[in-house]
Protein backbone atom coordinates (compact mmCIF):
# COMPACT_ATOMS: atom_id res chain seq x y z
CA MET A 1 -121.40 -22.08 42.20
CA ILE A 2 -120.83 -18.32 41.49
CA GLY A 3 -119.74 -17.56 45.01
CA LYS A 4 -117.06 -20.52 44.83
CA ALA A 5 -115.80 -19.18 41.44
CA LEU A 6 -115.34 -15.80 42.82
CA ARG A 7 -113.49 -16.99 45.96
CA TRP A 8 -111.05 -18.91 43.68
CA LEU A 9 -110.47 -15.97 41.54
CA ILE A 10 -109.66 -13.80 44.58
CA VAL A 11 -107.07 -16.54 45.91
CA VAL A 12 -105.52 -16.64 42.42
CA THR A 13 -105.18 -12.85 42.21
CA ILE A 14 -103.67 -12.61 45.68
CA ALA A 15 -101.17 -15.28 45.07
CA LEU A 16 -100.02 -13.87 41.77
CA THR A 17 -99.64 -10.29 43.38
CA VAL A 18 -97.66 -11.68 46.27
CA GLY A 19 -95.49 -13.69 43.80
CA GLY A 20 -94.86 -10.90 41.47
CA GLY A 21 -93.94 -8.62 44.54
CA ALA A 22 -91.48 -11.18 45.61
CA TYR A 23 -89.86 -11.49 42.24
CA TYR A 24 -89.51 -7.68 41.98
CA PHE A 25 -87.90 -7.55 45.26
CA TYR A 26 -85.55 -10.31 44.23
CA GLN A 27 -84.68 -8.65 40.98
CA GLN A 28 -83.90 -5.30 42.71
CA THR A 29 -81.61 -6.90 45.55
CA ARG A 30 -79.68 -9.33 43.22
CA SER A 31 -76.29 -8.26 41.84
CA CYS A 32 -76.16 -6.19 38.53
CA VAL A 33 -79.46 -4.69 38.71
CA HIS A 34 -78.00 -1.28 40.09
CA PRO A 35 -74.38 -0.37 39.28
CA ILE A 36 -72.04 -0.99 42.21
CA PRO A 37 -70.13 2.10 42.89
CA TYR A 38 -66.50 2.18 44.07
CA ALA A 39 -63.92 4.79 45.15
CA ILE A 40 -60.23 4.91 45.77
CA GLY A 41 -59.19 4.59 49.34
CA THR A 42 -55.70 4.37 50.75
CA VAL A 43 -52.71 4.41 48.28
CA ASP A 44 -49.49 3.61 49.92
CA PRO A 45 -46.61 5.75 48.10
CA ARG A 46 -44.38 2.86 48.21
CA PHE A 47 -46.25 1.43 45.25
CA ASP A 48 -45.06 4.33 42.90
CA ILE A 49 -48.56 4.91 41.74
CA THR A 50 -50.73 7.90 41.98
CA LYS A 51 -54.45 7.82 42.74
CA THR A 52 -55.16 9.31 39.26
CA GLU A 53 -53.27 6.38 37.71
CA LEU A 54 -55.11 4.04 40.05
CA ILE A 55 -58.45 5.24 38.83
CA THR A 56 -57.29 4.66 35.23
CA ASN A 57 -56.40 1.05 36.00
CA THR A 58 -59.72 0.43 38.02
CA LYS A 59 -61.75 1.83 34.99
CA THR A 60 -59.96 -0.57 32.69
CA ALA A 61 -60.64 -3.43 34.98
CA VAL A 62 -64.37 -2.66 35.57
CA ALA A 63 -64.77 -2.15 31.88
CA ILE A 64 -64.23 -5.85 31.29
CA TRP A 65 -67.16 -6.80 33.43
CA ASN A 66 -69.26 -4.02 32.07
CA LYS A 67 -68.78 -4.99 28.48
CA ALA A 68 -69.35 -8.57 29.18
CA ALA A 69 -72.63 -7.82 31.03
CA GLY A 70 -73.77 -5.43 28.36
CA LYS A 71 -74.49 -2.77 30.81
CA THR A 72 -72.83 -0.73 33.65
CA ILE A 73 -72.51 -3.02 36.63
CA LEU A 74 -69.53 -1.21 38.21
CA THR A 75 -68.91 2.46 38.24
CA TYR A 76 -66.49 4.97 39.74
CA ASP A 77 -67.88 7.23 42.29
CA PRO A 78 -65.41 9.06 44.49
CA THR A 79 -67.97 9.20 47.44
CA ALA A 80 -68.64 5.30 47.30
CA ALA A 81 -68.44 3.18 50.35
CA LEU A 82 -66.71 0.35 48.59
CA LYS A 83 -62.95 1.42 48.55
CA VAL A 84 -59.91 0.18 46.53
CA ASN A 85 -56.81 0.32 48.74
CA LEU A 86 -53.26 -0.43 47.91
CA ILE A 87 -51.74 -1.85 50.88
CA TYR A 88 -48.01 -2.05 51.13
CA ASP A 89 -46.56 -5.11 53.10
CA SER A 90 -43.97 -7.86 52.64
CA ARG A 91 -45.83 -9.20 49.56
CA GLU A 92 -45.22 -6.22 47.55
CA ALA A 93 -41.77 -5.77 48.99
CA ASN A 94 -40.89 -9.27 47.91
CA ALA A 95 -42.46 -8.69 44.54
CA LYS A 96 -39.97 -5.64 44.19
CA PHE A 97 -37.31 -7.86 45.36
CA GLY A 98 -37.89 -10.44 42.67
CA THR A 99 -38.05 -7.64 40.02
CA GLU A 100 -34.67 -6.46 41.15
CA ILE A 101 -33.12 -9.87 40.99
CA ALA A 102 -34.44 -10.24 37.48
CA ARG A 103 -32.89 -6.90 36.53
CA GLU A 104 -29.53 -8.04 38.00
CA GLN A 105 -29.87 -11.33 36.15
CA ALA A 106 -30.28 -9.27 32.85
CA ASN A 107 -27.20 -7.31 33.73
CA ALA A 108 -25.12 -10.45 34.33
CA ASP A 109 -26.40 -11.91 31.09
CA ALA A 110 -25.37 -8.77 29.31
CA ALA A 111 -21.92 -8.88 30.98
CA ARG A 112 -21.51 -12.51 30.05
CA THR A 113 -22.28 -11.61 26.36
CA THR A 114 -19.60 -8.92 26.59
CA LEU A 115 -17.04 -11.24 27.97
CA ASP A 116 -17.86 -13.77 25.52
CA SER A 117 -17.37 -11.28 22.64
CA LEU A 118 -13.88 -10.15 24.00
CA GLN A 119 -12.69 -13.71 24.51
CA ALA A 120 -13.60 -14.64 21.08
CA ASP A 121 -11.80 -11.57 19.64
CA TYR A 122 -8.76 -12.54 21.97
CA ALA A 123 -8.76 -16.04 20.52
CA ALA A 124 -9.06 -14.94 16.89
CA ARG A 125 -6.20 -12.43 17.28
CA GLN A 126 -4.09 -14.89 19.27
CA THR A 127 -4.49 -17.42 16.42
CA THR A 128 -3.52 -14.86 13.74
CA TYR A 129 -0.37 -13.72 15.92
CA ASN A 130 0.84 -17.34 16.14
CA GLN A 131 0.32 -18.01 12.57
CA GLU A 132 2.42 -14.84 11.74
CA VAL A 133 5.19 -15.73 14.03
CA ALA A 134 5.30 -19.42 12.64
CA THR A 135 5.50 -18.02 9.06
CA VAL A 136 8.52 -15.51 10.07
CA ASN A 137 10.23 -18.26 11.86
CA ALA A 138 9.86 -20.60 8.99
CA ARG A 139 11.68 -18.36 6.66
CA GLY A 140 14.58 -17.62 9.03
CA GLY A 141 13.42 -14.45 10.91
CA ALA A 142 11.46 -11.36 10.66
CA THR A 143 12.57 -7.92 9.30
CA ALA A 144 12.81 -5.01 11.76
CA SER A 145 9.41 -3.72 10.65
CA GLU A 146 7.84 -7.20 11.05
CA LEU A 147 9.28 -7.56 14.37
CA ALA A 148 8.00 -4.28 15.50
CA THR A 149 4.43 -5.15 14.26
CA LEU A 150 4.57 -8.56 16.01
CA ASN A 151 5.88 -6.99 19.23
CA ALA A 152 3.13 -4.42 19.27
CA GLU A 153 0.44 -7.11 18.61
CA ARG A 154 1.94 -9.26 21.34
CA ASP A 155 1.66 -6.30 23.84
CA SER A 156 -1.86 -5.53 22.86
CA LEU A 157 -2.79 -9.13 23.30
CA ASN A 158 -1.29 -9.33 26.54
CA ALA A 159 -3.07 -6.15 27.68
CA LEU A 160 -6.36 -7.51 26.29
CA GLY A 161 -5.72 -10.64 28.24
CA ASP A 162 -5.22 -8.82 31.52
CA THR A 163 -8.41 -6.90 30.75
CA ILE A 164 -10.46 -10.03 30.27
CA ASN A 165 -9.07 -11.72 33.31
CA ASN A 166 -9.97 -8.66 35.39
CA GLN A 167 -13.51 -8.48 33.88
CA VAL A 168 -13.90 -12.35 34.47
CA ALA A 169 -12.97 -11.89 38.25
CA VAL A 170 -15.41 -8.99 38.68
CA PHE A 171 -18.11 -10.98 36.69
CA ASN A 172 -17.51 -14.19 38.94
CA LYS A 173 -17.77 -12.11 42.09
CA GLY A 174 -21.01 -10.44 40.76
CA VAL A 175 -22.62 -13.98 39.84
CA ALA A 176 -21.54 -15.18 43.30
CA ASP A 177 -23.18 -12.24 44.97
CA LEU A 178 -26.30 -12.60 42.78
CA ASN A 179 -26.54 -16.24 43.73
CA ALA A 180 -26.53 -15.39 47.45
CA VAL A 181 -29.32 -12.82 46.79
CA VAL A 182 -31.34 -15.42 44.98
CA ALA A 183 -30.88 -18.06 47.81
CA GLN A 184 -32.11 -15.28 50.24
CA PHE A 185 -35.12 -14.54 48.11
CA ASN A 186 -36.02 -18.26 47.78
CA GLN A 187 -36.02 -18.66 51.53
CA SER A 188 -37.81 -15.30 52.51
CA ALA A 189 -39.72 -14.32 49.47
CA GLY A 190 -40.13 -17.16 47.04
CA ARG A 191 -43.49 -18.09 48.18
CA THR A 192 -46.95 -17.67 46.62
CA PHE A 193 -48.87 -14.76 48.26
CA GLU A 194 -52.39 -13.57 47.97
CA GLU A 195 -52.21 -10.54 45.69
CA GLY A 196 -55.55 -8.99 46.39
CA GLN A 197 -58.58 -9.47 48.54
CA TYR A 198 -62.38 -8.55 48.33
CA SER A 199 -63.99 -8.45 51.75
CA ARG A 200 -67.28 -7.43 53.12
CA ASP A 201 -68.28 -7.31 56.77
CA VAL A 202 -70.22 -5.19 59.22
CA SER A 203 -67.78 -2.39 58.76
CA GLY A 204 -68.33 -2.32 55.10
CA GLU A 205 -66.77 -3.53 51.67
CA ARG A 206 -63.17 -3.11 50.47
CA ILE A 207 -60.79 -4.36 47.92
CA ASN A 208 -57.22 -4.58 48.99
CA ILE A 209 -54.40 -5.03 46.67
CA PHE A 210 -51.28 -6.33 48.13
CA GLU A 211 -48.86 -7.18 45.30
CA PHE A 212 -48.52 -6.50 41.55
CA VAL A 213 -45.61 -6.00 39.17
CA GLY A 214 -46.58 -3.73 36.18
CA THR A 215 -49.73 -2.46 35.03
CA LEU A 216 -51.01 -5.74 33.36
CA GLN A 217 -50.82 -7.60 36.62
CA LEU A 218 -52.47 -4.78 38.61
CA GLU A 219 -55.36 -4.65 36.23
CA ARG A 220 -55.75 -8.31 36.34
CA VAL A 221 -55.81 -8.42 40.11
CA LEU A 222 -58.32 -5.60 40.02
CA ALA A 223 -60.65 -7.29 37.55
CA HIS A 224 -60.56 -10.51 39.72
CA GLU A 225 -61.42 -8.65 42.99
CA PHE A 226 -64.15 -6.52 41.18
CA GLY A 227 -65.55 -10.01 40.07
CA HIS A 228 -65.81 -11.00 43.72
CA ALA A 229 -67.55 -7.60 44.37
CA ILE A 230 -70.26 -8.41 41.90
CA GLY A 231 -70.82 -11.90 43.32
CA LEU A 232 -68.45 -14.10 41.20
CA GLY A 233 -66.50 -17.00 42.77
CA HIS A 234 -63.46 -18.83 41.67
CA ASN A 235 -63.63 -21.15 38.78
CA SER A 236 -61.50 -24.09 37.67
CA ASP A 237 -60.23 -22.55 34.31
CA PRO A 238 -56.43 -21.45 34.72
CA LYS A 239 -57.02 -18.92 31.77
CA SER A 240 -60.10 -17.33 33.44
CA ILE A 241 -60.13 -13.89 35.24
CA MET A 242 -61.69 -15.71 38.33
CA PHE A 243 -59.25 -18.53 38.53
CA ALA A 244 -57.77 -18.59 42.09
CA LYS A 245 -54.12 -17.76 40.97
CA ASN A 246 -53.17 -14.79 38.79
CA GLU A 247 -51.00 -16.78 36.30
CA SER A 248 -52.24 -16.49 32.74
CA GLY A 249 -52.22 -12.65 32.29
CA ASN A 250 -55.47 -12.88 30.24
CA LEU A 251 -57.89 -9.98 30.66
CA ALA A 252 -60.76 -11.29 28.53
CA PRO A 253 -63.45 -13.22 30.20
CA THR A 254 -63.53 -16.98 29.48
CA THR A 255 -66.52 -19.03 28.72
CA ALA A 256 -66.37 -20.02 32.52
CA ASP A 257 -66.43 -16.37 33.56
CA LEU A 258 -69.21 -15.47 31.35
CA ALA A 259 -71.26 -18.37 32.62
CA ASP A 260 -70.69 -17.35 36.22
CA LEU A 261 -71.64 -13.85 35.25
CA ARG A 262 -74.87 -14.88 33.62
CA ALA A 263 -75.65 -16.80 36.74
CA VAL A 264 -75.18 -13.76 38.91
CA CYS A 265 -76.46 -11.04 36.62
CA GLY A 266 -78.95 -13.04 34.52
CA SER A 267 -79.00 -12.90 30.75
């Protein structure tokens, strides 16, 4: 009986030792146990952003996940193998194209506002002029002084009318040109593109950013791709960082983001 008990104890001890070693190995190889280092790789100058500025943007993006995890799970290291690259192609060119169209549209709206103001001023002055002429005619004619004043106002109104007509012609041509550009954009650029991509293969890991307009969108794309780097997949919450499309502009992890982060990193 004693011999059997000892053999059972030995078996249990071995099983616990092997199991504990497997758990330790699992904990050491899963995401978030050791910080994932990253560095800046290629930055195409056509993005109009320096490496120093990009480092700042990446630190803002990784801070989102570090704060959510309660520890450092992503860290900047200029010698790291995981590189963040800004790759300029048709996606960024099209994004800038869209931004330029928006700027031209804003200019057209401002020109329309100016024209509306001029036309309103012209209409008010024309009404006043007609009333004054009617008053003078009703009493049998104007004095020399009144006639001079009315003639001067008539000439001023005619000049203003010519100015407005010329500006309307210029405005209409500008709108026609803008509409042609918009039509071109809708055909060649008005499509949904992949803004960024995290990839890992035999040659290593990389985060490639292809398109962004402004700092907020860049940091959101970076946060999304860094999420993939730590092992997060897409979720179905449109407001989440890890939603498949960069639409909400939200930089705060949602419940879905946090749940996925816990699943990867543990509590």
